[in-house]
Full PDB file with SEQRES, HELIX, SHEET, SSBOND, CRYST1, ORIGX, SCALE, CONECT and MASTER records, all heavy atoms in Angstrom:
SEQRES   1 A   37  VAL ARG ALA GLY GLY THR LEU VAL SER ILE VAL ALA PRO          
SEQRES   2 A   37  PRO GLU ALA ARG PRO ALA GLU GLY LEU ALA VAL ASP PHE          
SEQRES   3 A   37  VAL VAL GLU SER ASP ARG ALA GLN LEU GLY GLU                  
HELIX    1 AA1 ARG A   32  GLY A   36  1                                   5    
SHEET    1 AA1 2 THR A   6  SER A   9  0                                        
SHEET    2 AA1 2 LEU A  22  ASP A  25  1                                        
CRYST1    1.000    1.000    1.000  90.00  90.00  90.00 P 1           1          
ORIGX1      1.000000  0.000000  0.000000        0.00000                         
ORIGX2      0.000000  1.000000  0.000000        0.00000                         
ORIGX3      0.000000  0.000000  1.000000        0.00000                         
SCALE1      1.000000  0.000000  0.000000        0.00000                         
SCALE2      0.000000  1.000000  0.000000        0.00000                         
SCALE3      0.000000  0.000000  1.000000        0.00000                         
ATOM      1  N   VAL A   1      98.879  94.290 112.934  1.00  0.00           N  
ATOM      2  CA  VAL A   1      99.964  95.307 112.890  1.00  0.00           C  
ATOM      3  C   VAL A   1      99.538  96.579 113.550  1.00  0.00           C  
ATOM      4  O   VAL A   1      98.535  97.213 113.219  1.00  0.00           O  
ATOM      5  CB  VAL A   1     100.395  95.524 111.394  1.00  0.00           C  
ATOM      6  CG1 VAL A   1     101.465  96.607 111.337  1.00  0.00           C  
ATOM      7  CG2 VAL A   1     100.883  94.248 110.789  1.00  0.00           C  
ATOM      8  N   ARG A   2     100.314  96.998 114.510  1.00  0.00           N  
ATOM      9  CA  ARG A   2     100.023  98.212 115.185  1.00  0.00           C  
ATOM     10  C   ARG A   2     100.219  99.465 114.313  1.00  0.00           C  
ATOM     11  O   ARG A   2     100.837  99.383 113.266  1.00  0.00           O  
ATOM     12  CB  ARG A   2     100.942  98.380 116.416  1.00  0.00           C  
ATOM     13  CG  ARG A   2     100.722  97.387 117.525  1.00  0.00           C  
ATOM     14  CD  ARG A   2     101.694  97.618 118.691  1.00  0.00           C  
ATOM     15  NE  ARG A   2     101.504  96.681 119.767  1.00  0.00           N  
ATOM     16  CZ  ARG A   2     102.426  95.970 120.311  1.00  0.00           C  
ATOM     17  NH1 ARG A   2     103.670  96.055 119.918  1.00  0.00           N  
ATOM     18  NH2 ARG A   2     102.123  95.095 121.317  1.00  0.00           N  
ATOM     19  N   ALA A   3      99.706 100.585 114.742  1.00  0.00           N  
ATOM     20  CA  ALA A   3      99.875 101.845 114.012  1.00  0.00           C  
ATOM     21  C   ALA A   3     101.377 102.132 113.834  1.00  0.00           C  
ATOM     22  O   ALA A   3     102.130 102.080 114.801  1.00  0.00           O  
ATOM     23  CB  ALA A   3      99.195 102.980 114.793  1.00  0.00           C  
ATOM     24  N   GLY A   4     101.750 102.405 112.615  1.00  0.00           N  
ATOM     25  CA  GLY A   4     103.124 102.717 112.311  1.00  0.00           C  
ATOM     26  C   GLY A   4     103.945 101.404 112.051  1.00  0.00           C  
ATOM     27  O   GLY A   4     105.169 101.512 111.751  1.00  0.00           O  
ATOM     28  N   GLY A   5     103.396 100.276 112.186  1.00  0.00           N  
ATOM     29  CA  GLY A   5     104.084  99.011 111.948  1.00  0.00           C  
ATOM     30  C   GLY A   5     104.151  98.564 110.481  1.00  0.00           C  
ATOM     31  O   GLY A   5     103.614  99.309 109.591  1.00  0.00           O  
ATOM     32  N   THR A   6     104.635  97.372 110.225  1.00  0.00           N  
ATOM     33  CA  THR A   6     104.842  96.946 108.891  1.00  0.00           C  
ATOM     34  C   THR A   6     104.536  95.464 108.705  1.00  0.00           C  
ATOM     35  O   THR A   6     104.879  94.684 109.545  1.00  0.00           O  
ATOM     36  CB  THR A   6     106.313  97.198 108.427  1.00  0.00           C  
ATOM     37  OG1 THR A   6     106.662  98.574 108.625  1.00  0.00           O  
ATOM     38  CG2 THR A   6     106.533  96.883 106.945  1.00  0.00           C  
ATOM     39  N   LEU A   7     103.870  95.125 107.567  1.00  0.00           N  
ATOM     40  CA  LEU A   7     103.696  93.750 107.198  1.00  0.00           C  
ATOM     41  C   LEU A   7     104.615  93.507 106.008  1.00  0.00           C  
ATOM     42  O   LEU A   7     104.548  94.143 104.994  1.00  0.00           O  
ATOM     43  CB  LEU A   7     102.282  93.502 106.788  1.00  0.00           C  
ATOM     44  CG  LEU A   7     101.944  92.190 106.034  1.00  0.00           C  
ATOM     45  CD1 LEU A   7     102.266  90.958 106.874  1.00  0.00           C  
ATOM     46  CD2 LEU A   7     100.549  92.157 105.543  1.00  0.00           C  
ATOM     47  N   VAL A   8     105.659  92.594 106.199  1.00  0.00           N  
ATOM     48  CA  VAL A   8     106.583  92.313 105.206  1.00  0.00           C  
ATOM     49  C   VAL A   8     106.316  90.895 104.655  1.00  0.00           C  
ATOM     50  O   VAL A   8     106.283  89.950 105.407  1.00  0.00           O  
ATOM     51  CB  VAL A   8     108.053  92.321 105.694  1.00  0.00           C  
ATOM     52  CG1 VAL A   8     109.006  91.870 104.646  1.00  0.00           C  
ATOM     53  CG2 VAL A   8     108.398  93.748 106.154  1.00  0.00           C  
ATOM     54  N   SER A   9     106.017  90.784 103.337  1.00  0.00           N  
ATOM     55  CA  SER A   9     105.710  89.489 102.755  1.00  0.00           C  
ATOM     56  C   SER A   9     106.838  89.098 101.794  1.00  0.00           C  
ATOM     57  O   SER A   9     107.292  89.900 100.953  1.00  0.00           O  
ATOM     58  CB  SER A   9     104.404  89.519 101.949  1.00  0.00           C  
ATOM     59  OG  SER A   9     104.191  88.379 101.217  1.00  0.00           O  
ATOM     60  N   ILE A  10     107.200  87.830 101.873  1.00  0.00           N  
ATOM     61  CA  ILE A  10     108.203  87.305 100.887  1.00  0.00           C  
ATOM     62  C   ILE A  10     107.545  86.317  99.999  1.00  0.00           C  
ATOM     63  O   ILE A  10     108.276  85.638  99.244  1.00  0.00           O  
ATOM     64  CB  ILE A  10     109.444  86.677 101.627  1.00  0.00           C  
ATOM     65  CG1 ILE A  10     108.978  85.507 102.481  1.00  0.00           C  
ATOM     66  CG2 ILE A  10     110.157  87.676 102.406  1.00  0.00           C  
ATOM     67  CD1 ILE A  10     110.171  84.680 103.054  1.00  0.00           C  
ATOM     68  N   VAL A  11     106.205  86.239 100.053  1.00  0.00           N  
ATOM     69  CA  VAL A  11     105.482  85.216  99.273  1.00  0.00           C  
ATOM     70  C   VAL A  11     104.865  85.885  98.044  1.00  0.00           C  
ATOM     71  O   VAL A  11     105.006  85.393  96.865  1.00  0.00           O  
ATOM     72  CB  VAL A  11     104.327  84.642 100.097  1.00  0.00           C  
ATOM     73  CG1 VAL A  11     103.604  83.514  99.310  1.00  0.00           C  
ATOM     74  CG2 VAL A  11     104.895  84.031 101.416  1.00  0.00           C  
ATOM     75  N   ALA A  12     104.155  86.998  98.207  1.00  0.00           N  
ATOM     76  CA  ALA A  12     103.474  87.714  97.130  1.00  0.00           C  
ATOM     77  C   ALA A  12     103.038  89.044  97.682  1.00  0.00           C  
ATOM     78  O   ALA A  12     103.123  89.280  98.899  1.00  0.00           O  
ATOM     79  CB  ALA A  12     102.243  86.913  96.727  1.00  0.00           C  
ATOM     80  N   PRO A  13     102.570  89.969  96.845  1.00  0.00           N  
ATOM     81  CA  PRO A  13     101.994  91.183  97.345  1.00  0.00           C  
ATOM     82  C   PRO A  13     100.932  90.909  98.341  1.00  0.00           C  
ATOM     83  O   PRO A  13     100.045  90.113  98.078  1.00  0.00           O  
ATOM     84  CB  PRO A  13     101.510  91.887  96.075  1.00  0.00           C  
ATOM     85  CG  PRO A  13     102.383  91.352  94.988  1.00  0.00           C  
ATOM     86  CD  PRO A  13     102.603  89.911  95.317  1.00  0.00           C  
ATOM     87  N   PRO A  14     100.949  91.497  99.534  1.00  0.00           N  
ATOM     88  CA  PRO A  14      99.943  91.274 100.534  1.00  0.00           C  
ATOM     89  C   PRO A  14      98.507  91.486 100.006  1.00  0.00           C  
ATOM     90  O   PRO A  14      98.242  92.483  99.357  1.00  0.00           O  
ATOM     91  CB  PRO A  14     100.319  92.249 101.627  1.00  0.00           C  
ATOM     92  CG  PRO A  14     101.757  92.532 101.406  1.00  0.00           C  
ATOM     93  CD  PRO A  14     101.971  92.496  99.950  1.00  0.00           C  
ATOM     94  N   GLU A  15      97.599  90.558 100.376  1.00  0.00           N  
ATOM     95  CA  GLU A  15      96.194  90.697  99.962  1.00  0.00           C  
ATOM     96  C   GLU A  15      95.450  91.652 100.841  1.00  0.00           C  
ATOM     97  O   GLU A  15      94.365  92.145 100.504  1.00  0.00           O  
ATOM     98  CB  GLU A  15      95.541  89.317  99.947  1.00  0.00           C  
ATOM     99  CG  GLU A  15      96.171  88.382  98.936  1.00  0.00           C  
ATOM    100  CD  GLU A  15      95.407  87.039  98.981  1.00  0.00           C  
ATOM    101  OE1 GLU A  15      94.203  87.022  98.935  1.00  0.00           O  
ATOM    102  OE2 GLU A  15      96.109  85.987  99.030  1.00  0.00           O  
ATOM    103  N   ALA A  16      95.978  91.868 102.058  1.00  0.00           N  
ATOM    104  CA  ALA A  16      95.364  92.855 103.014  1.00  0.00           C  
ATOM    105  C   ALA A  16      96.461  93.667 103.555  1.00  0.00           C  
ATOM    106  O   ALA A  16      97.619  93.301 103.713  1.00  0.00           O  
ATOM    107  CB  ALA A  16      94.616  92.066 104.136  1.00  0.00           C  
ATOM    108  N   ARG A  17      96.119  94.924 103.883  1.00  0.00           N  
ATOM    109  CA  ARG A  17      97.070  95.919 104.348  1.00  0.00           C  
ATOM    110  C   ARG A  17      96.742  96.323 105.709  1.00  0.00           C  
ATOM    111  O   ARG A  17      95.499  96.424 106.111  1.00  0.00           O  
ATOM    112  CB  ARG A  17      97.142  97.100 103.417  1.00  0.00           C  
ATOM    113  CG  ARG A  17      97.357  96.796 101.975  1.00  0.00           C  
ATOM    114  CD  ARG A  17      97.401  97.994 101.121  1.00  0.00           C  
ATOM    115  NE  ARG A  17      98.659  98.770 101.306  1.00  0.00           N  
ATOM    116  CZ  ARG A  17      99.791  98.509 100.671  1.00  0.00           C  
ATOM    117  NH1 ARG A  17      99.868  97.577  99.800  1.00  0.00           N  
ATOM    118  NH2 ARG A  17     100.894  99.239 100.898  1.00  0.00           N  
ATOM    119  N   PRO A  18      97.699  96.626 106.593  1.00  0.00           N  
ATOM    120  CA  PRO A  18      97.408  97.122 107.912  1.00  0.00           C  
ATOM    121  C   PRO A  18      96.626  98.469 107.825  1.00  0.00           C  
ATOM    122  O   PRO A  18      96.857  99.303 106.927  1.00  0.00           O  
ATOM    123  CB  PRO A  18      98.784  97.352 108.494  1.00  0.00           C  
ATOM    124  CG  PRO A  18      99.659  96.500 107.727  1.00  0.00           C  
ATOM    125  CD  PRO A  18      99.130  96.467 106.408  1.00  0.00           C  
ATOM    126  N   ALA A  19      95.701  98.683 108.735  1.00  0.00           N  
ATOM    127  CA  ALA A  19      94.902  99.916 108.799  1.00  0.00           C  
ATOM    128  C   ALA A  19      95.716 101.119 108.908  1.00  0.00           C  
ATOM    129  O   ALA A  19      95.449 102.150 108.291  1.00  0.00           O  
ATOM    130  CB  ALA A  19      93.807  99.819 109.836  1.00  0.00           C  
ATOM    131  N   GLU A  20      96.769 101.095 109.770  1.00  0.00           N  
ATOM    132  CA  GLU A  20      97.576 102.280 109.982  1.00  0.00           C  
ATOM    133  C   GLU A  20      99.054 101.949 109.883  1.00  0.00           C  
ATOM    134  O   GLU A  20      99.906 102.527 110.613  1.00  0.00           O  
ATOM    135  CB  GLU A  20      97.238 102.837 111.372  1.00  0.00           C  
ATOM    136  CG  GLU A  20      95.848 103.281 111.565  1.00  0.00           C  
ATOM    137  CD  GLU A  20      95.614 103.818 113.013  1.00  0.00           C  
ATOM    138  OE1 GLU A  20      95.980 104.966 113.253  1.00  0.00           O  
ATOM    139  OE2 GLU A  20      95.020 103.089 113.798  1.00  0.00           O  
ATOM    140  N   GLY A  21      99.394 101.039 108.936  1.00  0.00           N  
ATOM    141  CA  GLY A  21     100.760 100.687 108.796  1.00  0.00           C  
ATOM    142  C   GLY A  21     101.103 100.464 107.326  1.00  0.00           C  
ATOM    143  O   GLY A  21     100.312 100.756 106.438  1.00  0.00           O  
ATOM    144  N   LEU A  22     102.280  99.901 107.093  1.00  0.00           N  
ATOM    145  CA  LEU A  22     102.720  99.680 105.675  1.00  0.00           C  
ATOM    146  C   LEU A  22     102.650  98.187 105.380  1.00  0.00           C  
ATOM    147  O   LEU A  22     102.765  97.298 106.243  1.00  0.00           O  
ATOM    148  CB  LEU A  22     104.212 100.084 105.553  1.00  0.00           C  
ATOM    149  CG  LEU A  22     104.487 101.579 105.784  1.00  0.00           C  
ATOM    150  CD1 LEU A  22     105.997 101.785 105.723  1.00  0.00           C  
ATOM    151  CD2 LEU A  22     103.803 102.420 104.785  1.00  0.00           C  
ATOM    152  N   ALA A  23     102.525  97.907 104.119  1.00  0.00           N  
ATOM    153  CA  ALA A  23     102.568  96.479 103.568  1.00  0.00           C  
ATOM    154  C   ALA A  23     103.633  96.501 102.469  1.00  0.00           C  
ATOM    155  O   ALA A  23     103.596  97.308 101.539  1.00  0.00           O  
ATOM    156  CB  ALA A  23     101.196  95.978 103.059  1.00  0.00           C  
ATOM    157  N   VAL A  24     104.550  95.550 102.624  1.00  0.00           N  
ATOM    158  CA  VAL A  24     105.722  95.519 101.701  1.00  0.00           C  
ATOM    159  C   VAL A  24     105.940  94.133 101.218  1.00  0.00           C  
ATOM    160  O   VAL A  24     105.813  93.179 101.998  1.00  0.00           O  
ATOM    161  CB  VAL A  24     106.994  95.996 102.374  1.00  0.00           C  
ATOM    162  CG1 VAL A  24     108.218  95.990 101.450  1.00  0.00           C  
ATOM    163  CG2 VAL A  24     106.827  97.395 102.940  1.00  0.00           C  
ATOM    164  N   ASP A  25     106.214  93.947  99.914  1.00  0.00           N  
ATOM    165  CA  ASP A  25     106.803  92.669  99.418  1.00  0.00           C  
ATOM    166  C   ASP A  25     108.057  92.983  98.590  1.00  0.00           C  
ATOM    167  O   ASP A  25     108.129  94.118  98.040  1.00  0.00           O  
ATOM    168  CB  ASP A  25     105.755  91.857  98.582  1.00  0.00           C  
ATOM    169  CG  ASP A  25     105.428  92.594  97.278  1.00  0.00           C  
ATOM    170  OD1 ASP A  25     104.771  93.682  97.317  1.00  0.00           O  
ATOM    171  OD2 ASP A  25     105.808  92.070  96.204  1.00  0.00           O  
ATOM    172  N   PHE A  26     108.970  92.071  98.551  1.00  0.00           N  
ATOM    173  CA  PHE A  26     110.221  92.384  97.919  1.00  0.00           C  
ATOM    174  C   PHE A  26     110.879  91.122  97.394  1.00  0.00           C  
ATOM    175  O   PHE A  26     110.543  90.040  97.820  1.00  0.00           O  
ATOM    176  CB  PHE A  26     111.205  93.073  98.911  1.00  0.00           C  
ATOM    177  CG  PHE A  26     111.765  92.237  99.958  1.00  0.00           C  
ATOM    178  CD1 PHE A  26     113.073  91.705  99.844  1.00  0.00           C  
ATOM    179  CD2 PHE A  26     110.996  91.878 101.079  1.00  0.00           C  
ATOM    180  CE1 PHE A  26     113.566  90.889 100.840  1.00  0.00           C  
ATOM    181  CE2 PHE A  26     111.585  91.072 102.082  1.00  0.00           C  
ATOM    182  CZ  PHE A  26     112.849  90.588 101.946  1.00  0.00           C  
ATOM    183  N   VAL A  27     111.815  91.329  96.418  1.00  0.00           N  
ATOM    184  CA  VAL A  27     112.643  90.239  95.917  1.00  0.00           C  
ATOM    185  C   VAL A  27     114.041  90.461  96.476  1.00  0.00           C  
ATOM    186  O   VAL A  27     114.591  91.536  96.317  1.00  0.00           O  
ATOM    187  CB  VAL A  27     112.645  90.198  94.393  1.00  0.00           C  
ATOM    188  CG1 VAL A  27     113.595  89.146  93.839  1.00  0.00           C  
ATOM    189  CG2 VAL A  27     111.216  89.966  93.845  1.00  0.00           C  
ATOM    190  N   VAL A  28     114.586  89.381  97.028  1.00  0.00           N  
ATOM    191  CA  VAL A  28     115.901  89.535  97.689  1.00  0.00           C  
ATOM    192  C   VAL A  28     116.955  89.864  96.628  1.00  0.00           C  
ATOM    193  O   VAL A  28     116.891  89.483  95.467  1.00  0.00           O  
ATOM    194  CB  VAL A  28     116.259  88.189  98.498  1.00  0.00           C  
ATOM    195  CG1 VAL A  28     116.390  87.077  97.493  1.00  0.00           C  
ATOM    196  CG2 VAL A  28     117.500  88.363  99.228  1.00  0.00           C  
ATOM    197  N   GLU A  29     117.944  90.699  97.065  1.00  0.00           N  
ATOM    198  CA  GLU A  29     119.061  91.065  96.167  1.00  0.00           C  
ATOM    199  C   GLU A  29     120.366  90.699  96.833  1.00  0.00           C  
ATOM    200  O   GLU A  29     120.505  90.673  98.041  1.00  0.00           O  
ATOM    201  CB  GLU A  29     118.979  92.609  95.967  1.00  0.00           C  
ATOM    202  CG  GLU A  29     117.731  93.093  95.278  1.00  0.00           C  
ATOM    203  CD  GLU A  29     117.773  94.585  95.097  1.00  0.00           C  
ATOM    204  OE1 GLU A  29     118.718  95.224  95.678  1.00  0.00           O  
ATOM    205  OE2 GLU A  29     116.892  95.122  94.427  1.00  0.00           O  
ATOM    206  N   SER A  30     121.350  90.404  96.018  1.00  0.00           N  
ATOM    207  CA  SER A  30     122.660  90.047  96.471  1.00  0.00           C  
ATOM    208  C   SER A  30     123.342  91.329  97.029  1.00  0.00           C  
ATOM    209  O   SER A  30     123.122  92.433  96.488  1.00  0.00           O  
ATOM    210  CB  SER A  30     123.541  89.483  95.404  1.00  0.00           C  
ATOM    211  OG  SER A  30     124.777  89.028  95.941  1.00  0.00           O  
ATOM    212  N   ASP A  31     124.058  91.176  98.104  1.00  0.00           N  
ATOM    213  CA  ASP A  31     124.765  92.310  98.775  1.00  0.00           C  
ATOM    214  C   ASP A  31     125.983  91.755  99.478  1.00  0.00           C  
ATOM    215  O   ASP A  31     125.831  91.030 100.431  1.00  0.00           O  
ATOM    216  CB  ASP A  31     123.787  92.998  99.694  1.00  0.00           C  
ATOM    217  CG  ASP A  31     124.431  94.337 100.309  1.00  0.00           C  
ATOM    218  OD1 ASP A  31     125.422  94.188 101.011  1.00  0.00           O  
ATOM    219  OD2 ASP A  31     123.838  95.421  99.984  1.00  0.00           O  
ATOM    220  N   ARG A  32     127.134  92.121  99.001  1.00  0.00           N  
ATOM    221  CA  ARG A  32     128.408  91.607  99.583  1.00  0.00           C  
ATOM    222  C   ARG A  32     128.570  91.963 101.051  1.00  0.00           C  
ATOM    223  O   ARG A  32     128.943  91.140 101.817  1.00  0.00           O  
ATOM    224  CB  ARG A  32     129.623  92.035  98.721  1.00  0.00           C  
ATOM    225  CG  ARG A  32     130.902  91.464  99.228  1.00  0.00           C  
ATOM    226  CD  ARG A  32     132.099  91.946  98.352  1.00  0.00           C  
ATOM    227  NE  ARG A  32     132.043  91.309  97.062  1.00  0.00           N  
ATOM    228  CZ  ARG A  32     132.964  91.607  96.077  1.00  0.00           C  
ATOM    229  NH1 ARG A  32     133.821  92.500  96.264  1.00  0.00           N  
ATOM    230  NH2 ARG A  32     132.827  90.956  94.986  1.00  0.00           N  
ATOM    231  N   ALA A  33     128.288  93.160 101.344  1.00  0.00           N  
ATOM    232  CA  ALA A  33     128.417  93.617 102.765  1.00  0.00           C  
ATOM    233  C   ALA A  33     127.513  92.891 103.689  1.00  0.00           C  
ATOM    234  O   ALA A  33     127.938  92.444 104.794  1.00  0.00           O  
ATOM    235  CB  ALA A  33     128.245  95.106 102.869  1.00  0.00           C  
ATOM    236  N   GLN A  34     126.297  92.675 103.273  1.00  0.00           N  
ATOM    237  CA  GLN A  34     125.328  91.929 104.087  1.00  0.00           C  
ATOM    238  C   GLN A  34     125.687  90.490 104.238  1.00  0.00           C  
ATOM    239  O   GLN A  34     125.611  89.848 105.299  1.00  0.00           O  
ATOM    240  CB  GLN A  34     123.915  92.069 103.483  1.00  0.00           C  
ATOM    241  CG  GLN A  34     123.384  93.430 103.614  1.00  0.00           C  
ATOM    242  CD  GLN A  34     122.026  93.645 102.878  1.00  0.00           C  
ATOM    243  OE1 GLN A  34     121.453  92.615 102.434  1.00  0.00           O  
ATOM    244  NE2 GLN A  34     121.558  94.867 102.794  1.00  0.00           N  
ATOM    245  N   LEU A  35     126.200  89.889 103.157  1.00  0.00           N  
ATOM    246  CA  LEU A  35     126.720  88.500 103.234  1.00  0.00           C  
ATOM    247  C   LEU A  35     127.807  88.393 104.234  1.00  0.00           C  
ATOM    248  O   LEU A  35     127.914  87.413 104.996  1.00  0.00           O  
ATOM    249  CB  LEU A  35     127.185  88.013 101.850  1.00  0.00           C  
ATOM    250  CG  LEU A  35     126.119  87.714 100.854  1.00  0.00           C  
ATOM    251  CD1 LEU A  35     126.725  87.518  99.416  1.00  0.00           C  
ATOM    252  CD2 LEU A  35     125.282  86.472 101.195  1.00  0.00           C  
ATOM    253  N   GLY A  36     128.716  89.394 104.248  1.00  0.00           N  
ATOM    254  CA  GLY A  36     129.748  89.405 105.240  1.00  0.00           C  
ATOM    255  C   GLY A  36     129.232  89.489 106.677  1.00  0.00           C  
ATOM    256  O   GLY A  36     129.756  88.858 107.602  1.00  0.00           O  
ATOM    257  N   GLU A  37     128.245  90.311 106.898  1.00  0.00           N  
ATOM    258  CA  GLU A  37     127.584  90.393 108.191  1.00  0.00           C  
ATOM    259  C   GLU A  37     127.046  89.064 108.672  1.00  0.00           C  
ATOM    260  O   GLU A  37     127.170  88.620 109.802  1.00  0.00           O  
ATOM    261  CB  GLU A  37     126.495  91.459 108.204  1.00  0.00           C  
ATOM    262  CG  GLU A  37     126.943  92.902 108.033  1.00  0.00           C  
ATOM    263  CD  GLU A  37     127.456  93.509 109.341  1.00  0.00           C  
ATOM    264  OE1 GLU A  37     127.456  92.789 110.355  1.00  0.00           O  
ATOM    265  OE2 GLU A  37     127.844  94.714 109.300  1.00  0.00           O  
TER     266      GLU A  37                                                      
MASTER        0    0    0    1    2    0    0    6  265    1    0    3          
END                                                                             
């Protein structure tokens, strides 16, 4: 991951983080507008 970039995990909290970026994990949420898109 480049500086300012992001590691997004949908499996579990990331075990390693980018040196100069973000690490994110999340649980999907329902969203009517996004479903429409």
